[in-house]
Amino acid sequence: MADNKDAEMKKQEREQVVELGSDMTKSSKGNIYTLTIIGQVEGHMIAPETVKTTKYEHVLPLLAGIEESDDIDGLLLLLNTVGGDIEAGLAIAEMIAGMKKPTVSLVLGGGHSIGIPLAVCTKKSFITPTASMTVHPVRMTGLVVGAPQTFRYFQRIQEQIADFVTANSRISREDFERYMMATGEMATDVGTILYGKEAVASGLIDKLGGLNDALTALHKMIEKQKKQ
C-alpha cells in the first residue's frame, strides 16, 4: 500500500510539472515549492492555443494550498512573462504579497507589463543580468477612448498598479511613472525597458543574481522563520 501511495504522489508531482510548470523540492534546508509564471497571464478570456499561458484559476488555489501546507517552507517564483490580463496578474500578485511564508522571485528572460507587480510581490526579488522588464501605461484596444468614464477607468487601474509596485519595491512613485510615460525609449510606443542592472539601480528589483542567489536567499529566510 505504501508503495502504491508513493507511486501515486510521484505521478501527481510529474503531472504538476507538465500542467502548471511547478515542482516541489525537499531537502535538509527546507521544502521549496517552485512555481513558474510564463508566457501570457490568462484571465477571463481564453488565449489562442498557440500562446503559452499561465492560467490564474490554476494559480490562485495553488497559492492558498502552499500557504496552508505544513509540508512547504517557502515559494520560489520564476518569471518569464510578456504580461497579460491586468486583473488576473494583480490577483496573483496580491495573493503572494499576502503570504506569511518566505517568498522569492527570479526574473528570467522577461518580466514585462503586469509581470512587474508579479516580480515585486515576493519578500525578496532577483533578476538575471540579461533579463528585461517593460514598464508602460495600461494598454487599450482601438485608437479612440469613447467616453471620459472609460479614460478615468484606465487611469484608476494604472494608479492601482503604481500603488502596488511602489508599496512592494524600493522604486519611488515619481520614477515609476516617469518610466511608464517615457517617449524616447520604445519605438512607436510609450514606456521604458529596464535590463538587469537598471532594474536593480531603479529600486524596482532588490538584487542582481541567478538561481543560486535566489535559492540561497530563500533558504536563509526559511531558516530564520524556523528559528522564530
C-alpha atoms as a PDB file:
ATOM      1  CA  MET A   1       0.000   0.000   0.000  1.00  0.00           C
ATOM      2  CA  ALA A   2       2.802   2.379   0.877  1.00  0.00           C
ATOM      3  CA  ASP A   3       4.492   1.718  -2.479  1.00  0.00           C
ATOM      4  CA  ASN A   4       1.239   2.470  -4.315  1.00  0.00           C
ATOM      5  CA  LYS A   5       0.805   5.699  -2.372  1.00  0.00           C
ATOM      6  CA  ASP A   6       4.371   6.833  -3.166  1.00  0.00           C
ATOM      7  CA  ALA A   7       3.881   5.991  -6.833  1.00  0.00           C
ATOM      8  CA  GLU A   8       0.642   7.984  -6.922  1.00  0.00           C
ATOM      9  CA  MET A   9       2.321  11.001  -5.288  1.00  0.00           C
ATOM     10  CA  LYS A  10       5.174  10.906  -7.788  1.00  0.00           C
ATOM     11  CA  LYS A  11       2.662  10.686 -10.628  1.00  0.00           C
ATOM     12  CA  GLN A  12       0.828  13.766  -9.297  1.00  0.00           C
ATOM     13  CA  GLU A  13       4.111  15.664  -8.988  1.00  0.00           C
ATOM     14  CA  ARG A  14       5.014  14.828 -12.611  1.00  0.00           C
ATOM     15  CA  GLU A  15       1.583  15.994 -13.751  1.00  0.00           C
ATOM     16  CA  GLN A  16       2.031  19.300 -11.907  1.00  0.00           C
ATOM     17  CA  VAL A  17       5.353  19.906 -13.653  1.00  0.00           C
ATOM     18  CA  VAL A  18       3.734  19.277 -17.040  1.00  0.00           C
ATOM     19  CA  GLU A  19       0.455  21.142 -16.433  1.00  0.00           C
ATOM     20  CA  LEU A  20       1.483  24.021 -14.166  1.00  0.00           C
ATOM     21  CA  GLY A  21       5.236  24.293 -14.574  1.00  0.00           C
ATOM     22  CA  SER A  22       5.592  23.725 -10.837  1.00  0.00           C
ATOM     23  CA  ASP A  23       7.712  21.433  -8.723  1.00  0.00           C
ATOM     24  CA  MET A  24       8.277  20.526  -5.075  1.00  0.00           C
ATOM     25  CA  THR A  25      11.851  20.118  -3.823  1.00  0.00           C
ATOM     26  CA  LYS A  26      12.552  18.566  -0.429  1.00  0.00           C
ATOM     27  CA  SER A  27      15.950  18.934   1.257  1.00  0.00           C
ATOM     28  CA  SER A  28      17.541  19.322   4.675  1.00  0.00           C
ATOM     29  CA  LYS A  29      17.402  23.105   4.190  1.00  0.00           C
ATOM     30  CA  GLY A  30      13.644  23.117   3.723  1.00  0.00           C
ATOM     31  CA  ASN A  31      10.875  22.177   1.335  1.00  0.00           C
ATOM     32  CA  ILE A  32      10.556  24.643  -1.548  1.00  0.00           C
ATOM     33  CA  TYR A  33       7.677  24.899  -3.986  1.00  0.00           C
ATOM     34  CA  THR A  34       8.770  26.298  -7.360  1.00  0.00           C
ATOM     35  CA  LEU A  35       6.111  28.000  -9.447  1.00  0.00           C
ATOM     36  CA  THR A  36       6.605  29.466 -12.924  1.00  0.00           C
ATOM     37  CA  ILE A  37       4.764  32.404 -14.460  1.00  0.00           C
ATOM     38  CA  ILE A  38       5.431  32.035 -18.179  1.00  0.00           C
ATOM     39  CA  GLY A  39       4.096  33.406 -21.440  1.00  0.00           C
ATOM     40  CA  GLN A  40       0.862  35.336 -21.095  1.00  0.00           C
ATOM     41  CA  VAL A  41      -1.114  35.615 -17.867  1.00  0.00           C
ATOM     42  CA  GLU A  42      -4.533  34.371 -18.925  1.00  0.00           C
ATOM     43  CA  GLY A  43      -7.586  35.977 -17.345  1.00  0.00           C
ATOM     44  CA  HIS A  44     -11.294  35.755 -18.086  1.00  0.00           C
ATOM     45  CA  MET A  45     -10.712  35.363 -21.838  1.00  0.00           C
ATOM     46  CA  ILE A  46      -9.136  32.172 -23.189  1.00  0.00           C
ATOM     47  CA  ALA A  47      -5.919  32.828 -25.132  1.00  0.00           C
ATOM     48  CA  PRO A  48      -5.287  31.124 -28.512  1.00  0.00           C
ATOM     49  CA  GLU A  49      -3.897  27.580 -28.346  1.00  0.00           C
ATOM     50  CA  THR A  50      -0.645  28.760 -29.949  1.00  0.00           C
ATOM     51  CA  VAL A  51       0.110  31.078 -26.986  1.00  0.00           C
ATOM     52  CA  LYS A  52       1.911  29.849 -23.879  1.00  0.00           C
ATOM     53  CA  THR A  53      -0.160  30.880 -20.868  1.00  0.00           C
ATOM     54  CA  THR A  54      -0.332  30.893 -17.086  1.00  0.00           C
ATOM     55  CA  LYS A  55      -3.961  30.403 -16.043  1.00  0.00           C
ATOM     56  CA  TYR A  56      -4.927  32.369 -12.943  1.00  0.00           C
ATOM     57  CA  GLU A  57      -7.706  29.933 -11.980  1.00  0.00           C
ATOM     58  CA  HIS A  58      -4.992  27.281 -11.530  1.00  0.00           C
ATOM     59  CA  VAL A  59      -2.542  29.507  -9.670  1.00  0.00           C
ATOM     60  CA  LEU A  60      -4.866  31.094  -7.068  1.00  0.00           C
ATOM     61  CA  PRO A  61      -5.989  27.880  -5.312  1.00  0.00           C
ATOM     62  CA  LEU A  62      -2.455  26.527  -5.632  1.00  0.00           C
ATOM     63  CA  LEU A  63      -1.098  29.535  -3.709  1.00  0.00           C
ATOM     64  CA  ALA A  64      -3.718  29.083  -0.992  1.00  0.00           C
ATOM     65  CA  GLY A  65      -2.654  25.451  -0.668  1.00  0.00           C
ATOM     66  CA  ILE A  66       1.036  26.402  -0.464  1.00  0.00           C
ATOM     67  CA  GLU A  67       0.334  28.893   2.325  1.00  0.00           C
ATOM     68  CA  GLU A  68      -1.665  26.365   4.339  1.00  0.00           C
ATOM     69  CA  SER A  69       0.563  23.328   3.785  1.00  0.00           C
ATOM     70  CA  ASP A  70       2.745  22.103   6.651  1.00  0.00           C
ATOM     71  CA  ASP A  71       4.990  20.356   4.122  1.00  0.00           C
ATOM     72  CA  ILE A  72       6.046  23.540   2.287  1.00  0.00           C
ATOM     73  CA  ASP A  73       8.503  26.017   3.822  1.00  0.00           C
ATOM     74  CA  GLY A  74       8.901  28.560   1.020  1.00  0.00           C
ATOM     75  CA  LEU A  75       7.930  29.624  -2.501  1.00  0.00           C
ATOM     76  CA  LEU A  76      10.294  30.283  -5.410  1.00  0.00           C
ATOM     77  CA  LEU A  77       8.608  32.218  -8.214  1.00  0.00           C
ATOM     78  CA  LEU A  78      10.268  32.006 -11.649  1.00  0.00           C
ATOM     79  CA  LEU A  79       9.151  34.669 -14.131  1.00  0.00           C
ATOM     80  CA  ASN A  80       9.441  34.831 -17.907  1.00  0.00           C
ATOM     81  CA  THR A  81       6.252  36.586 -18.947  1.00  0.00           C
ATOM     82  CA  VAL A  82       5.104  39.108 -21.537  1.00  0.00           C
ATOM     83  CA  GLY A  83       2.301  40.250 -19.217  1.00  0.00           C
ATOM     84  CA  GLY A  84      -1.348  39.672 -19.937  1.00  0.00           C
ATOM     85  CA  ASP A  85      -4.654  40.162 -18.139  1.00  0.00           C
ATOM     86  CA  ILE A  86      -4.291  43.010 -15.619  1.00  0.00           C
ATOM     87  CA  GLU A  87      -6.868  41.826 -13.082  1.00  0.00           C
ATOM     88  CA  ALA A  88      -5.592  38.240 -13.172  1.00  0.00           C
ATOM     89  CA  GLY A  89      -1.968  39.340 -12.776  1.00  0.00           C
ATOM     90  CA  LEU A  90      -2.789  41.639  -9.871  1.00  0.00           C
ATOM     91  CA  ALA A  91      -4.876  38.910  -8.225  1.00  0.00           C
ATOM     92  CA  ILE A  92      -1.904  36.526  -8.268  1.00  0.00           C
ATOM     93  CA  ALA A  93       0.459  39.282  -7.079  1.00  0.00           C
ATOM     94  CA  GLU A  94      -1.847  40.227  -4.186  1.00  0.00           C
ATOM     95  CA  MET A  95      -2.119  36.560  -3.137  1.00  0.00           C
ATOM     96  CA  ILE A  96       1.666  36.171  -2.994  1.00  0.00           C
ATOM     97  CA  ALA A  97       2.172  39.528  -1.253  1.00  0.00           C
ATOM     98  CA  GLY A  98      -0.266  38.379   1.440  1.00  0.00           C
ATOM     99  CA  MET A  99       1.583  35.128   2.194  1.00  0.00           C
ATOM    100  CA  LYS A 100       3.420  34.711   5.509  1.00  0.00           C
ATOM    101  CA  LYS A 101       5.749  32.038   4.183  1.00  0.00           C
ATOM    102  CA  PRO A 102       9.136  33.051   2.724  1.00  0.00           C
ATOM    103  CA  THR A 103       8.824  34.002  -0.944  1.00  0.00           C
ATOM    104  CA  VAL A 104      11.480  34.892  -3.528  1.00  0.00           C
ATOM    105  CA  SER A 105      11.088  35.815  -7.201  1.00  0.00           C
ATOM    106  CA  LEU A 106      13.593  35.492 -10.027  1.00  0.00           C
ATOM    107  CA  VAL A 107      13.064  37.286 -13.347  1.00  0.00           C
ATOM    108  CA  LEU A 108      14.473  35.215 -16.209  1.00  0.00           C
ATOM    109  CA  GLY A 109      14.195  36.466 -19.772  1.00  0.00           C
ATOM    110  CA  GLY A 110      11.467  38.997 -19.109  1.00  0.00           C
ATOM    111  CA  GLY A 111       9.027  40.301 -16.544  1.00  0.00           C
ATOM    112  CA  HIS A 112       7.048  42.713 -18.677  1.00  0.00           C
ATOM    113  CA  SER A 113       3.885  44.740 -18.122  1.00  0.00           C
ATOM    114  CA  ILE A 114       1.719  43.080 -15.445  1.00  0.00           C
ATOM    115  CA  GLY A 115       4.736  40.850 -14.829  1.00  0.00           C
ATOM    116  CA  ILE A 116       6.235  43.757 -12.863  1.00  0.00           C
ATOM    117  CA  PRO A 117       3.770  43.506  -9.936  1.00  0.00           C
ATOM    118  CA  LEU A 118       4.365  39.734 -10.016  1.00  0.00           C
ATOM    119  CA  ALA A 119       8.138  40.278  -9.807  1.00  0.00           C
ATOM    120  CA  VAL A 120       7.953  42.621  -6.815  1.00  0.00           C
ATOM    121  CA  CYS A 121       5.201  40.855  -4.837  1.00  0.00           C
ATOM    122  CA  THR A 122       7.596  38.463  -3.083  1.00  0.00           C
ATOM    123  CA  LYS A 123       9.576  39.287   0.056  1.00  0.00           C
ATOM    124  CA  LYS A 124      12.798  39.426  -1.976  1.00  0.00           C
ATOM    125  CA  SER A 125      13.249  39.784  -5.738  1.00  0.00           C
ATOM    126  CA  PHE A 126      16.117  38.914  -8.093  1.00  0.00           C
ATOM    127  CA  ILE A 127      16.775  39.485 -11.793  1.00  0.00           C
ATOM    128  CA  THR A 128      19.407  37.986 -14.083  1.00  0.00           C
ATOM    129  CA  PRO A 129      21.733  40.424 -15.909  1.00  0.00           C
ATOM    130  CA  THR A 130      20.214  39.701 -19.342  1.00  0.00           C
ATOM    131  CA  ALA A 131      16.559  39.776 -18.259  1.00  0.00           C
ATOM    132  CA  SER A 132      14.403  42.795 -19.116  1.00  0.00           C
ATOM    133  CA  MET A 133      11.298  44.472 -17.744  1.00  0.00           C
ATOM    134  CA  THR A 134       8.987  46.748 -19.737  1.00  0.00           C
ATOM    135  CA  VAL A 135       7.225  49.495 -17.801  1.00  0.00           C
ATOM    136  CA  HIS A 136       4.371  51.034 -19.787  1.00  0.00           C
ATOM    137  CA  PRO A 137       0.898  52.560 -19.293  1.00  0.00           C
ATOM    138  CA  VAL A 138      -2.218  50.397 -19.264  1.00  0.00           C
ATOM    139  CA  ARG A 139      -2.928  49.480 -22.880  1.00  0.00           C
ATOM    140  CA  MET A 140      -6.341  49.530 -24.527  1.00  0.00           C
ATOM    141  CA  THR A 141      -7.649  48.257 -27.855  1.00  0.00           C
ATOM    142  CA  GLY A 142      -8.678  50.751 -30.502  1.00  0.00           C
ATOM    143  CA  LEU A 143      -7.491  54.295 -31.198  1.00  0.00           C
ATOM    144  CA  VAL A 144     -10.230  56.291 -29.504  1.00  0.00           C
ATOM    145  CA  VAL A 145     -11.414  56.307 -25.893  1.00  0.00           C
ATOM    146  CA  GLY A 146     -15.169  56.606 -26.307  1.00  0.00           C
ATOM    147  CA  ALA A 147     -16.087  58.350 -23.064  1.00  0.00           C
ATOM    148  CA  PRO A 148     -14.483  60.264 -20.172  1.00  0.00           C
ATOM    149  CA  GLN A 149     -15.577  57.465 -17.835  1.00  0.00           C
ATOM    150  CA  THR A 150     -13.564  54.927 -19.853  1.00  0.00           C
ATOM    151  CA  PHE A 151     -10.485  57.116 -19.717  1.00  0.00           C
ATOM    152  CA  ARG A 152     -10.874  57.537 -15.957  1.00  0.00           C
ATOM    153  CA  TYR A 153     -11.281  53.757 -15.558  1.00  0.00           C
ATOM    154  CA  PHE A 154      -7.918  53.132 -17.223  1.00  0.00           C
ATOM    155  CA  GLN A 155      -6.363  55.887 -15.132  1.00  0.00           C
ATOM    156  CA  ARG A 156      -7.570  54.250 -11.922  1.00  0.00           C
ATOM    157  CA  ILE A 157      -6.228  50.836 -12.962  1.00  0.00           C
ATOM    158  CA  GLN A 158      -2.887  52.468 -13.702  1.00  0.00           C
ATOM    159  CA  GLU A 159      -2.906  54.122 -10.272  1.00  0.00           C
ATOM    160  CA  GLN A 160      -3.593  50.761  -8.605  1.00  0.00           C
ATOM    161  CA  ILE A 161      -0.622  49.194 -10.396  1.00  0.00           C
ATOM    162  CA  ALA A 162       1.646  52.099  -9.427  1.00  0.00           C
ATOM    163  CA  ASP A 163       0.445  51.866  -5.801  1.00  0.00           C
ATOM    164  CA  PHE A 164       1.152  48.135  -5.631  1.00  0.00           C
ATOM    165  CA  VAL A 165       4.577  48.318  -7.269  1.00  0.00           C
ATOM    166  CA  THR A 166       5.814  51.222  -5.146  1.00  0.00           C
ATOM    167  CA  ALA A 167       4.470  49.595  -1.951  1.00  0.00           C
ATOM    168  CA  ASN A 168       6.309  46.340  -2.685  1.00  0.00           C
ATOM    169  CA  SER A 169       9.621  47.663  -4.015  1.00  0.00           C
ATOM    170  CA  ARG A 170      12.116  50.475  -3.391  1.00  0.00           C
ATOM    171  CA  ILE A 171      11.244  52.491  -6.507  1.00  0.00           C
ATOM    172  CA  SER A 172       9.616  55.888  -5.980  1.00  0.00           C
ATOM    173  CA  ARG A 173       6.242  56.627  -7.500  1.00  0.00           C
ATOM    174  CA  GLU A 174       7.734  59.548  -9.446  1.00  0.00           C
ATOM    175  CA  ASP A 175      10.399  57.343 -11.038  1.00  0.00           C
ATOM    176  CA  PHE A 176       7.926  54.544 -11.814  1.00  0.00           C
ATOM    177  CA  GLU A 177       5.504  56.934 -13.516  1.00  0.00           C
ATOM    178  CA  ARG A 178       8.381  58.583 -15.382  1.00  0.00           C
ATOM    179  CA  TYR A 179       9.485  55.197 -16.740  1.00  0.00           C
ATOM    180  CA  MET A 180       5.867  54.412 -17.580  1.00  0.00           C
ATOM    181  CA  MET A 181       5.315  57.565 -19.618  1.00  0.00           C
ATOM    182  CA  ALA A 182       8.743  57.904 -21.293  1.00  0.00           C
ATOM    183  CA  THR A 183       8.538  58.627 -25.030  1.00  0.00           C
ATOM    184  CA  GLY A 184      12.140  58.192 -26.199  1.00  0.00           C
ATOM    185  CA  GLU A 185      12.785  54.579 -25.163  1.00  0.00           C
ATOM    186  CA  MET A 186      10.497  52.387 -27.278  1.00  0.00           C
ATOM    187  CA  ALA A 187       9.743  52.520 -30.983  1.00  0.00           C
ATOM    188  CA  THR A 188       6.114  53.514 -31.708  1.00  0.00           C
ATOM    189  CA  ASP A 189       5.210  53.114 -28.049  1.00  0.00           C
ATOM    190  CA  VAL A 190       5.337  54.760 -24.625  1.00  0.00           C
ATOM    191  CA  GLY A 191       7.306  53.242 -21.773  1.00  0.00           C
ATOM    192  CA  THR A 192      10.761  52.067 -20.710  1.00  0.00           C
ATOM    193  CA  ILE A 193      12.704  48.813 -20.979  1.00  0.00           C
ATOM    194  CA  LEU A 194      14.909  48.126 -17.972  1.00  0.00           C
ATOM    195  CA  TYR A 195      17.579  45.418 -18.061  1.00  0.00           C
ATOM    196  CA  GLY A 196      19.016  43.602 -15.035  1.00  0.00           C
ATOM    197  CA  LYS A 197      21.350  46.220 -13.551  1.00  0.00           C
ATOM    198  CA  GLU A 198      18.991  49.074 -14.462  1.00  0.00           C
ATOM    199  CA  ALA A 199      16.047  47.353 -12.753  1.00  0.00           C
ATOM    200  CA  VAL A 200      18.100  46.985  -9.561  1.00  0.00           C
ATOM    201  CA  ALA A 201      19.513  50.535  -9.719  1.00  0.00           C
ATOM    202  CA  SER A 202      15.984  51.938 -10.098  1.00  0.00           C
ATOM    203  CA  GLY A 203      14.831  50.140  -6.955  1.00  0.00           C
ATOM    204  CA  LEU A 204      12.301  48.045  -8.853  1.00  0.00           C
ATOM    205  CA  ILE A 205      14.143  44.768  -8.113  1.00  0.00           C
ATOM    206  CA  ASP A 206      16.139  44.036  -4.959  1.00  0.00           C
ATOM    207  CA  LYS A 207      19.208  42.257  -6.315  1.00  0.00           C
ATOM    208  CA  LEU A 208      21.022  41.093  -9.428  1.00  0.00           C
ATOM    209  CA  GLY A 209      21.565  37.335  -9.438  1.00  0.00           C
ATOM    210  CA  GLY A 210      20.695  33.910 -10.693  1.00  0.00           C
ATOM    211  CA  LEU A 211      19.077  30.727  -9.442  1.00  0.00           C
ATOM    212  CA  ASN A 212      21.694  30.009  -6.762  1.00  0.00           C
ATOM    213  CA  ASP A 213      21.358  33.534  -5.357  1.00  0.00           C
ATOM    214  CA  ALA A 214      17.572  33.274  -5.214  1.00  0.00           C
ATOM    215  CA  LEU A 215      17.670  29.855  -3.539  1.00  0.00           C
ATOM    216  CA  THR A 216      20.317  30.972  -1.036  1.00  0.00           C
ATOM    217  CA  ALA A 217      18.162  33.943  -0.025  1.00  0.00           C
ATOM    218  CA  LEU A 218      15.101  31.722   0.285  1.00  0.00           C
ATOM    219  CA  HIS A 219      16.958  29.176   2.432  1.00  0.00           C
ATOM    220  CA  LYS A 220      18.118  31.952   4.778  1.00  0.00           C
ATOM    221  CA  MET A 221      14.549  33.236   5.104  1.00  0.00           C
ATOM    222  CA  ILE A 222      13.266  29.709   5.829  1.00  0.00           C
ATOM    223  CA  GLU A 223      15.972  29.153   8.455  1.00  0.00           C
ATOM    224  CA  LYS A 224      15.157  32.454  10.141  1.00  0.00           C
ATOM    225  CA  GLN A 225      11.440  31.659  10.223  1.00  0.00           C
ATOM    226  CA  LYS A 226      12.067  28.189  11.678  1.00  0.00           C
ATOM    227  CA  LYS A 227      14.131  29.721  14.487  1.00  0.00           C
ATOM    228  CA  GLN A 228      11.331  32.146  15.281  1.00  0.00           C
END
